[in-house]
Each structure stands twice: as C-alpha cells, then as structure tokens.
C-alpha cells in the first residue's frame, strides 16, 4: 500500500454483504493512504447468468462519489477494458503532474 498511486476495488454486486465490505476496503486502502477519490475505481462485477444488470447500487457516502463501473465479461468485455484504460491514463497523468510540481519546487 505504501506509495500507491491508485486503488481498484472489485466486488460482486450480486452479494449485498460486499457493499459493506467495500467500505472497509475503501477506508483501509484509500482514506488511510490519503489518496484522492479520483485515484479509486470501483468495479461492480456481475457474474454471467446472474440476471443483474447495470442497476443503481445504493452506495453510502463517500463511496457514492467514486467512479463506478459495472462489469459483465459475458455481455460486454470491451467496456470494462476501455474504462480500466481510462482509469490508468488518469493515474499516469496524476503521477506525471505531481512529479512536474515536485521538480519545479526543487528548481525554484
């Protein structure tokens, strides 16, 4: 966890107890590491044949502010791939900007 730049939390959206468990993971991996919400991605996975779609999940604050992606690899594997790539690009940009600010502070 030390020096991490991002967190991806994947959970089974079809199991109600997982909604409570992700609060604990968020606290441990995001809040205690002082990461920004933009550095966290929630993936609500739906198993093939579960019948669950992309319905609204009732996430409690502060989880409801995070980027949430629904995944179902049977129906649309490309969507989750594209969302993950966008997330990685945002993390890379954030790290690059942070490094640039640090270098500028050393120069000045």
N, C-alpha and C. Protein backbone atom coordinates (compact mmCIF):
# COMPACT_ATOMS: atom_id res chain seq x y z
N UNK A 1 0.81 -1.20 0.00
CA UNK A 1 0.00 0.00 0.00
C UNK A 1 0.85 1.26 0.00
N UNK A 2 2.01 1.18 0.58
CA UNK A 2 2.86 2.37 0.69
C UNK A 2 3.22 2.88 -0.70
N UNK A 3 3.11 4.17 -0.88
CA UNK A 3 3.43 4.84 -2.14
C UNK A 3 2.56 4.42 -3.31
N UNK A 4 1.38 3.89 -3.05
CA UNK A 4 0.49 3.53 -4.15
C UNK A 4 -0.11 4.80 -4.75
N UNK A 5 -0.44 4.73 -6.01
CA UNK A 5 -1.00 5.88 -6.72
C UNK A 5 -2.46 5.68 -7.07
N UNK A 6 -2.96 4.47 -6.91
CA UNK A 6 -4.35 4.20 -7.24
C UNK A 6 -4.81 2.90 -6.64
N UNK A 7 -6.13 2.78 -6.55
CA UNK A 7 -6.75 1.59 -5.98
C UNK A 7 -7.94 1.20 -6.85
N UNK A 8 -8.02 -0.08 -7.18
CA UNK A 8 -9.17 -0.62 -7.89
C UNK A 8 -9.82 -1.63 -6.94
N UNK A 9 -11.08 -1.40 -6.63
CA UNK A 9 -11.82 -2.31 -5.75
C UNK A 9 -12.87 -3.01 -6.61
N UNK A 10 -12.74 -4.31 -6.71
CA UNK A 10 -13.68 -5.11 -7.50
C UNK A 10 -14.51 -5.93 -6.52
N UNK A 11 -15.81 -5.90 -6.70
CA UNK A 11 -16.68 -6.64 -5.80
C UNK A 11 -17.83 -7.27 -6.57
N UNK A 12 -18.42 -8.29 -5.97
CA UNK A 12 -19.55 -8.97 -6.58
C UNK A 12 -20.81 -8.18 -6.23
N UNK A 13 -21.36 -7.51 -7.20
CA UNK A 13 -22.52 -6.65 -6.98
C UNK A 13 -23.78 -7.45 -6.64
N UNK A 14 -23.74 -8.76 -6.83
CA UNK A 14 -24.90 -9.59 -6.57
C UNK A 14 -24.96 -10.07 -5.12
N UNK A 15 -23.93 -9.76 -4.33
CA UNK A 15 -23.90 -10.18 -2.92
C UNK A 15 -23.99 -8.92 -2.05
N UNK A 16 -25.12 -8.71 -1.38
CA UNK A 16 -25.33 -7.49 -0.59
C UNK A 16 -24.25 -7.23 0.46
N UNK A 17 -23.68 -8.25 1.06
CA UNK A 17 -22.67 -8.04 2.09
C UNK A 17 -21.40 -7.40 1.52
N UNK A 18 -21.19 -7.54 0.24
CA UNK A 18 -20.00 -6.94 -0.37
C UNK A 18 -20.06 -5.41 -0.34
N UNK A 19 -21.27 -4.86 -0.34
CA UNK A 19 -21.39 -3.40 -0.28
C UNK A 19 -20.84 -2.86 1.04
N UNK A 20 -21.03 -3.59 2.12
CA UNK A 20 -20.46 -3.18 3.41
C UNK A 20 -18.95 -3.42 3.43
N UNK A 21 -18.51 -4.52 2.84
CA UNK A 21 -17.08 -4.84 2.84
C UNK A 21 -16.27 -3.81 2.06
N UNK A 22 -16.81 -3.27 0.98
CA UNK A 22 -16.02 -2.30 0.22
C UNK A 22 -15.82 -1.00 1.00
N UNK A 23 -16.71 -0.71 1.96
CA UNK A 23 -16.49 0.45 2.83
C UNK A 23 -15.21 0.26 3.64
N UNK A 24 -14.99 -0.96 4.13
CA UNK A 24 -13.79 -1.26 4.89
C UNK A 24 -12.55 -1.17 4.00
N UNK A 25 -12.64 -1.72 2.80
CA UNK A 25 -11.50 -1.66 1.87
C UNK A 25 -11.20 -0.22 1.48
N UNK A 26 -12.24 0.57 1.26
CA UNK A 26 -12.05 1.99 0.92
C UNK A 26 -11.32 2.71 2.05
N UNK A 27 -11.77 2.48 3.26
CA UNK A 27 -11.14 3.11 4.42
C UNK A 27 -9.67 2.74 4.52
N UNK A 28 -9.39 1.46 4.37
CA UNK A 28 -8.02 0.96 4.52
C UNK A 28 -7.10 1.38 3.38
N UNK A 29 -7.55 1.24 2.16
CA UNK A 29 -6.67 1.44 1.01
C UNK A 29 -6.71 2.85 0.42
N UNK A 30 -7.77 3.59 0.66
CA UNK A 30 -7.88 4.93 0.07
C UNK A 30 -7.72 6.01 1.14
N UNK A 31 -8.60 6.00 2.14
CA UNK A 31 -8.57 7.05 3.15
C UNK A 31 -7.29 7.02 3.99
N UNK A 32 -6.89 5.86 4.46
CA UNK A 32 -5.71 5.78 5.31
C UNK A 32 -4.42 6.04 4.55
N UNK A 33 -4.46 5.91 3.25
CA UNK A 33 -3.28 6.19 2.42
C UNK A 33 -3.34 7.61 1.85
N UNK A 34 -4.37 8.37 2.23
CA UNK A 34 -4.55 9.76 1.81
C UNK A 34 -4.61 9.91 0.29
N UNK A 35 -5.27 8.95 -0.36
CA UNK A 35 -5.47 9.05 -1.81
C UNK A 35 -6.74 9.86 -2.09
N UNK A 36 -6.77 10.49 -3.24
CA UNK A 36 -7.95 11.23 -3.67
C UNK A 36 -8.99 10.25 -4.21
N UNK A 37 -10.25 10.65 -4.20
CA UNK A 37 -11.30 9.79 -4.74
C UNK A 37 -11.09 9.48 -6.21
N UNK A 38 -10.46 10.42 -6.93
CA UNK A 38 -10.20 10.20 -8.36
C UNK A 38 -9.16 9.10 -8.57
N UNK A 39 -8.45 8.73 -7.53
CA UNK A 39 -7.44 7.67 -7.62
C UNK A 39 -8.02 6.30 -7.31
N UNK A 40 -9.34 6.23 -7.15
CA UNK A 40 -10.01 4.97 -6.82
C UNK A 40 -11.05 4.65 -7.89
N UNK A 41 -11.10 3.39 -8.25
CA UNK A 41 -12.09 2.90 -9.21
C UNK A 41 -12.82 1.72 -8.58
N UNK A 42 -14.15 1.77 -8.58
CA UNK A 42 -14.97 0.66 -8.12
C UNK A 42 -15.49 -0.10 -9.33
N UNK A 43 -15.34 -1.41 -9.27
CA UNK A 43 -15.88 -2.25 -10.35
C UNK A 43 -16.88 -3.20 -9.73
N UNK A 44 -18.14 -3.02 -10.11
CA UNK A 44 -19.22 -3.89 -9.63
C UNK A 44 -19.37 -5.02 -10.65
N UNK A 45 -18.86 -6.18 -10.29
CA UNK A 45 -18.88 -7.30 -11.23
C UNK A 45 -20.18 -8.08 -11.10
N UNK A 46 -20.73 -8.43 -12.22
CA UNK A 46 -21.94 -9.26 -12.28
C UNK A 46 -21.55 -10.55 -12.99
N UNK A 47 -21.73 -11.65 -12.30
CA UNK A 47 -21.38 -12.94 -12.90
C UNK A 47 -22.31 -13.24 -14.07
N UNK A 48 -21.77 -13.92 -15.09
CA UNK A 48 -22.61 -14.30 -16.23
C UNK A 48 -23.81 -15.12 -15.75
N UNK A 49 -24.97 -14.78 -16.28
CA UNK A 49 -26.18 -15.51 -15.93
C UNK A 49 -26.81 -15.09 -14.63
N UNK A 50 -26.26 -14.09 -13.97
CA UNK A 50 -26.82 -13.67 -12.68
C UNK A 50 -28.13 -12.90 -12.84
N UNK A 51 -28.37 -12.41 -14.04
CA UNK A 51 -29.60 -11.67 -14.29
C UNK A 51 -29.52 -10.23 -13.83
N UNK A 52 -28.45 -9.86 -13.15
CA UNK A 52 -28.30 -8.48 -12.69
C UNK A 52 -27.72 -7.64 -13.80
N UNK A 53 -28.22 -6.45 -13.90
CA UNK A 53 -27.72 -5.54 -14.93
C UNK A 53 -26.97 -4.40 -14.31
N UNK A 54 -27.08 -3.27 -14.96
CA UNK A 54 -26.37 -2.08 -14.50
C UNK A 54 -27.28 -1.22 -13.65
N UNK A 55 -28.10 -1.84 -12.85
CA UNK A 55 -28.98 -1.07 -11.98
C UNK A 55 -28.21 -0.26 -10.97
N UNK A 56 -28.87 0.74 -10.45
CA UNK A 56 -28.22 1.63 -9.48
C UNK A 56 -27.96 0.88 -8.18
N UNK A 57 -26.74 0.97 -7.72
CA UNK A 57 -26.38 0.41 -6.42
C UNK A 57 -26.50 1.51 -5.39
N UNK A 58 -26.98 1.18 -4.21
CA UNK A 58 -27.09 2.19 -3.16
C UNK A 58 -25.80 2.17 -2.34
N UNK A 59 -24.84 2.97 -2.80
CA UNK A 59 -23.57 3.08 -2.11
C UNK A 59 -23.65 4.24 -1.12
N UNK A 60 -23.10 4.00 0.07
CA UNK A 60 -23.11 5.03 1.09
C UNK A 60 -21.98 6.02 0.85
N UNK A 61 -22.13 7.25 1.39
CA UNK A 61 -21.02 8.19 1.29
C UNK A 61 -19.82 7.64 2.05
N UNK A 62 -18.63 7.83 1.64
CA UNK A 62 -18.15 8.56 0.47
C UNK A 62 -18.05 7.70 -0.78
N UNK A 63 -18.49 6.44 -0.72
CA UNK A 63 -18.37 5.56 -1.88
C UNK A 63 -19.19 6.04 -3.07
N UNK A 64 -20.28 6.74 -2.80
CA UNK A 64 -21.15 7.19 -3.89
C UNK A 64 -20.50 8.29 -4.73
N UNK A 65 -19.34 8.81 -4.31
CA UNK A 65 -18.62 9.84 -5.08
C UNK A 65 -17.58 9.22 -6.01
N UNK A 66 -17.34 7.93 -5.87
CA UNK A 66 -16.29 7.28 -6.65
C UNK A 66 -16.79 6.88 -8.03
N UNK A 67 -15.85 6.76 -8.95
CA UNK A 67 -16.18 6.25 -10.29
C UNK A 67 -16.58 4.79 -10.14
N UNK A 68 -17.77 4.45 -10.61
CA UNK A 68 -18.29 3.09 -10.52
C UNK A 68 -18.53 2.56 -11.92
N UNK A 69 -17.97 1.38 -12.17
CA UNK A 69 -18.13 0.72 -13.46
C UNK A 69 -18.75 -0.65 -13.22
N UNK A 70 -19.76 -0.97 -14.00
CA UNK A 70 -20.36 -2.30 -13.92
C UNK A 70 -19.68 -3.19 -14.95
N UNK A 71 -19.34 -4.40 -14.53
CA UNK A 71 -18.69 -5.32 -15.47
C UNK A 71 -19.48 -6.61 -15.58
N UNK A 72 -19.57 -7.06 -16.79
CA UNK A 72 -20.14 -8.37 -17.09
C UNK A 72 -19.36 -8.86 -18.30
N UNK A 73 -18.41 -9.73 -18.05
CA UNK A 73 -17.49 -10.14 -19.12
C UNK A 73 -18.17 -10.94 -20.21
N UNK A 74 -19.33 -11.47 -19.92
CA UNK A 74 -20.06 -12.24 -20.93
C UNK A 74 -20.75 -11.30 -21.92
N UNK A 75 -21.32 -10.21 -21.43
CA UNK A 75 -22.09 -9.31 -22.29
C UNK A 75 -21.24 -8.25 -22.98
N UNK A 76 -20.31 -7.64 -22.25
CA UNK A 76 -19.55 -6.54 -22.82
C UNK A 76 -18.15 -6.44 -22.22
N UNK A 77 -17.24 -7.35 -22.59
CA UNK A 77 -15.89 -7.31 -22.02
C UNK A 77 -15.10 -6.07 -22.46
N UNK A 78 -15.42 -5.52 -23.61
CA UNK A 78 -14.67 -4.37 -24.12
C UNK A 78 -14.92 -3.12 -23.29
N UNK A 79 -16.13 -2.98 -22.76
CA UNK A 79 -16.45 -1.79 -21.96
C UNK A 79 -15.57 -1.70 -20.72
N UNK A 80 -15.41 -2.80 -20.01
CA UNK A 80 -14.59 -2.76 -18.79
C UNK A 80 -13.13 -2.52 -19.15
N UNK A 81 -12.70 -3.05 -20.26
CA UNK A 81 -11.32 -2.82 -20.70
C UNK A 81 -11.07 -1.34 -20.98
N UNK A 82 -12.00 -0.70 -21.67
CA UNK A 82 -11.86 0.72 -22.01
C UNK A 82 -11.92 1.59 -20.75
N UNK A 83 -12.81 1.26 -19.81
CA UNK A 83 -12.90 2.03 -18.57
C UNK A 83 -11.62 1.89 -17.75
N UNK A 84 -11.04 0.70 -17.74
CA UNK A 84 -9.80 0.49 -16.99
C UNK A 84 -8.64 1.26 -17.63
N UNK A 85 -8.60 1.30 -18.94
CA UNK A 85 -7.56 2.07 -19.64
C UNK A 85 -7.71 3.55 -19.31
N UNK A 86 -8.94 4.07 -19.31
CA UNK A 86 -9.16 5.48 -18.96
C UNK A 86 -8.68 5.75 -17.53
N UNK A 87 -8.97 4.81 -16.63
CA UNK A 87 -8.54 4.96 -15.24
C UNK A 87 -7.01 4.99 -15.15
N UNK A 88 -6.35 4.06 -15.83
CA UNK A 88 -4.89 4.04 -15.80
C UNK A 88 -4.30 5.33 -16.37
N UNK A 89 -4.88 5.84 -17.43
CA UNK A 89 -4.40 7.10 -18.01
C UNK A 89 -4.53 8.24 -17.01
N UNK A 90 -5.62 8.28 -16.27
CA UNK A 90 -5.79 9.35 -15.29
C UNK A 90 -4.77 9.23 -14.17
N UNK A 91 -4.44 8.01 -13.76
CA UNK A 91 -3.42 7.80 -12.72
C UNK A 91 -2.05 8.24 -13.25
N UNK A 92 -1.73 7.87 -14.47
CA UNK A 92 -0.44 8.26 -15.07
C UNK A 92 -0.34 9.78 -15.16
N UNK A 93 -1.42 10.44 -15.59
CA UNK A 93 -1.42 11.91 -15.66
C UNK A 93 -1.22 12.53 -14.29
N UNK A 94 -1.88 11.98 -13.29
CA UNK A 94 -1.77 12.50 -11.94
C UNK A 94 -0.34 12.36 -11.41
N UNK A 95 0.28 11.21 -11.64
CA UNK A 95 1.65 10.98 -11.19
C UNK A 95 2.61 11.91 -11.93
N UNK A 96 2.39 12.08 -13.22
CA UNK A 96 3.24 12.96 -14.02
C UNK A 96 3.14 14.41 -13.55
N UNK A 97 1.93 14.88 -13.30
CA UNK A 97 1.73 16.25 -12.82
C UNK A 97 2.36 16.45 -11.45
N UNK A 98 2.23 15.46 -10.59
CA UNK A 98 2.83 15.53 -9.26
C UNK A 98 4.35 15.60 -9.36
N UNK A 99 4.91 14.80 -10.22
CA UNK A 99 6.36 14.80 -10.43
C UNK A 99 6.83 16.15 -10.98
N UNK A 100 6.08 16.70 -11.93
CA UNK A 100 6.42 18.00 -12.50
C UNK A 100 6.40 19.10 -11.43
N UNK A 101 5.37 19.08 -10.57
CA UNK A 101 5.29 20.07 -9.49
C UNK A 101 6.47 19.93 -8.54
N UNK A 102 6.83 18.69 -8.23
CA UNK A 102 7.95 18.45 -7.34
C UNK A 102 9.26 18.96 -7.95
N UNK A 103 9.47 18.70 -9.23
CA UNK A 103 10.67 19.17 -9.90
C UNK A 103 10.72 20.68 -9.95
N UNK A 104 9.58 21.34 -10.18
CA UNK A 104 9.53 22.80 -10.22
C UNK A 104 9.83 23.39 -8.85
N UNK A 105 9.37 22.73 -7.81
CA UNK A 105 9.62 23.25 -6.47
C UNK A 105 11.11 23.14 -6.11
N UNK A 106 11.78 22.15 -6.66
CA UNK A 106 13.22 22.00 -6.42
C UNK A 106 14.00 23.07 -7.19
N UNK A 107 13.55 23.37 -8.40
CA UNK A 107 14.23 24.34 -9.25
C UNK A 107 14.10 25.76 -8.68
N UNK A 108 12.92 26.09 -8.17
CA UNK A 108 12.69 27.46 -7.69
C UNK A 108 13.11 27.65 -6.25
